[in-house]
Amino acid sequence: MSNRTHIVLVGDAHTLDPFLGPLADAGVLVTQVERVNKVMETVEQTQPDAIVFILPRYWDDITLFVDALRSKKEFVEIPILYVGSLIEGEDQRILRMKGVHTLTLGPLMPAEVVRYILDKLK
C-alpha cells in the first residue's frame, strides 16, 4: 500500500488541469471528481487523506456537503480545503466556521496553491 498523500480534487476538468502537474510533482495521488453530488461516493470508496474543492460552481452548496460528510464518524477529521474566488467571501467565512481551510484564488500560480494545500495537510 502506498504512503503517498491521496486527495479527492473537485472541480471541472479545465479548472483542475493547471494543478495536476504540481500535485504530481509533489507526489500527491489525485482522484478527480467534477460533480459535487459524486464526491461523497468517491470519498467513501477511496478513503483519501483530504478533499480539495477548486473554484466550485456557484450553484454547488459546499456547506451541505461538509455537514453530510462530518455526520459520518469516519470522516469527522478529514481535512477539507476550498479554493474559491473573491465573490464567494461569505461562503468562505461560513466554511471556515465549519473547519474548512479556505483560500481565495487570485494572482497565484498553481504551484503556490499546491504549496498551500500541502501545508494544510501536515
Protein backbone atom coordinates (compact mmCIF):
# COMPACT_ATOMS: atom_id res chain seq x y z
CA MET A 1 0.00 0.00 0.00
CA SER A 2 1.29 3.43 -0.91
CA ASN A 3 2.14 6.04 1.69
CA ARG A 4 1.62 8.86 -0.80
CA THR A 5 -0.84 11.57 0.12
CA HIS A 6 -4.12 10.95 -1.67
CA ILE A 7 -6.64 13.73 -2.28
CA VAL A 8 -10.01 13.97 -3.96
CA LEU A 9 -9.78 17.06 -6.17
CA VAL A 10 -13.16 18.56 -7.03
CA GLY A 11 -13.87 20.93 -9.92
CA ASP A 12 -14.32 20.98 -13.65
CA ALA A 13 -11.54 19.42 -15.71
CA HIS A 14 -10.49 22.70 -17.31
CA THR A 15 -10.10 24.35 -13.90
CA LEU A 16 -8.20 21.44 -12.37
CA ASP A 17 -5.70 20.93 -15.22
CA PRO A 18 -3.17 23.56 -14.07
CA PHE A 19 -2.98 21.96 -10.62
CA LEU A 20 -2.43 18.36 -11.70
CA GLY A 21 1.23 18.76 -12.70
CA PRO A 22 2.32 20.49 -9.49
CA LEU A 23 0.39 17.96 -7.40
CA ALA A 24 2.02 15.06 -9.26
CA ASP A 25 5.44 16.71 -8.86
CA ALA A 26 4.77 16.85 -5.10
CA GLY A 27 4.00 13.13 -5.10
CA VAL A 28 0.27 13.51 -4.43
CA LEU A 29 -2.12 10.88 -5.74
CA VAL A 30 -5.23 12.61 -7.14
CA THR A 31 -8.73 11.33 -7.76
CA GLN A 32 -10.64 13.90 -9.82
CA VAL A 33 -14.37 14.50 -9.42
CA GLU A 34 -16.29 17.06 -11.47
CA ARG A 35 -19.67 16.93 -9.80
CA VAL A 36 -20.19 17.71 -6.12
CA ASN A 37 -23.01 15.16 -5.90
CA LYS A 38 -20.42 12.43 -6.68
CA VAL A 39 -17.87 13.47 -4.05
CA MET A 40 -19.35 11.58 -1.09
CA GLU A 41 -19.44 8.31 -3.03
CA THR A 42 -15.85 8.82 -4.18
CA VAL A 43 -14.64 9.65 -0.68
CA GLU A 44 -16.33 6.57 0.77
CA GLN A 45 -14.74 4.37 -1.90
CA THR A 46 -11.23 5.83 -1.89
CA GLN A 47 -10.73 6.97 1.76
CA PRO A 48 -8.49 9.92 0.78
CA ASP A 49 -6.29 11.98 3.08
CA ALA A 50 -8.12 15.19 2.13
CA ILE A 51 -10.77 16.73 -0.11
CA VAL A 52 -9.93 19.85 -2.12
CA PHE A 53 -12.52 21.96 -3.94
CA ILE A 54 -11.12 24.28 -6.64
CA LEU A 55 -13.47 27.02 -7.85
CA PRO A 56 -16.68 25.07 -7.38
CA ARG A 57 -19.67 26.12 -9.45
CA TYR A 58 -21.72 28.82 -7.73
CA TRP A 59 -24.80 26.61 -7.53
CA ASP A 60 -22.98 23.82 -5.67
CA ASP A 61 -23.60 24.25 -1.94
CA ILE A 62 -20.40 23.01 -0.34
CA THR A 63 -21.72 23.68 3.18
CA LEU A 64 -24.33 20.94 2.73
CA PHE A 65 -21.60 18.54 1.62
CA VAL A 66 -19.42 19.43 4.63
CA ASP A 67 -22.33 18.86 7.02
CA ALA A 68 -23.16 15.49 5.42
CA LEU A 69 -19.52 14.38 5.47
CA ARG A 70 -18.95 15.45 9.08
CA SER A 71 -22.03 13.49 10.15
CA LYS A 72 -20.13 10.30 9.30
CA LYS A 73 -17.81 9.40 12.19
CA GLU A 74 -15.07 8.07 9.89
CA PHE A 75 -14.81 11.47 8.16
CA VAL A 76 -15.08 13.87 11.10
CA GLU A 77 -11.37 14.73 10.95
CA ILE A 78 -10.63 14.57 7.21
CA PRO A 79 -9.20 17.90 6.03
CA ILE A 80 -11.34 19.84 3.56
CA LEU A 81 -9.86 22.70 1.58
CA TYR A 82 -11.79 25.19 -0.52
CA VAL A 83 -10.05 27.35 -3.11
CA GLY A 84 -12.59 29.92 -4.22
CA SER A 85 -12.92 33.37 -5.72
CA LEU A 86 -13.48 36.82 -4.27
CA ILE A 87 -17.22 36.70 -4.95
CA GLU A 88 -17.54 33.79 -2.52
CA GLY A 89 -16.40 35.75 0.53
CA GLU A 90 -19.42 34.96 2.71
CA ASP A 91 -19.37 31.31 1.67
CA GLN A 92 -15.73 31.10 2.69
CA ARG A 93 -16.45 32.67 6.10
CA ILE A 94 -19.19 30.09 6.76
CA LEU A 95 -16.96 27.24 5.59
CA ARG A 96 -14.15 28.39 7.90
CA MET A 97 -16.65 28.24 10.79
CA LYS A 98 -17.19 24.59 9.83
CA GLY A 99 -13.45 23.85 9.96
CA VAL A 100 -12.76 24.09 6.23
CA HIS A 101 -9.46 25.67 5.17
CA THR A 102 -10.14 28.36 2.58
CA LEU A 103 -8.04 30.29 0.10
CA THR A 104 -9.11 32.96 -2.36
CA LEU A 105 -7.64 32.24 -5.75
CA GLY A 106 -6.05 35.40 -7.02
CA PRO A 107 -2.89 36.10 -8.92
CA LEU A 108 -1.32 32.90 -7.59
CA MET A 109 0.48 30.34 -9.65
CA PRO A 110 -0.95 26.80 -9.36
CA ALA A 111 2.28 25.71 -7.65
CA GLU A 112 1.59 28.23 -4.84
CA VAL A 113 -1.92 26.87 -4.38
CA VAL A 114 -0.47 23.35 -4.21
CA ARG A 115 2.01 24.53 -1.59
CA TYR A 116 -0.92 25.87 0.46
CA ILE A 117 -2.75 22.55 0.09
CA LEU A 118 0.30 20.55 1.19
CA ASP A 119 0.94 22.87 4.16
CA LYS A 120 -2.61 22.28 5.40
CA LEU A 121 -2.14 18.52 5.24
CA LYS A 122 0.89 18.47 7.54
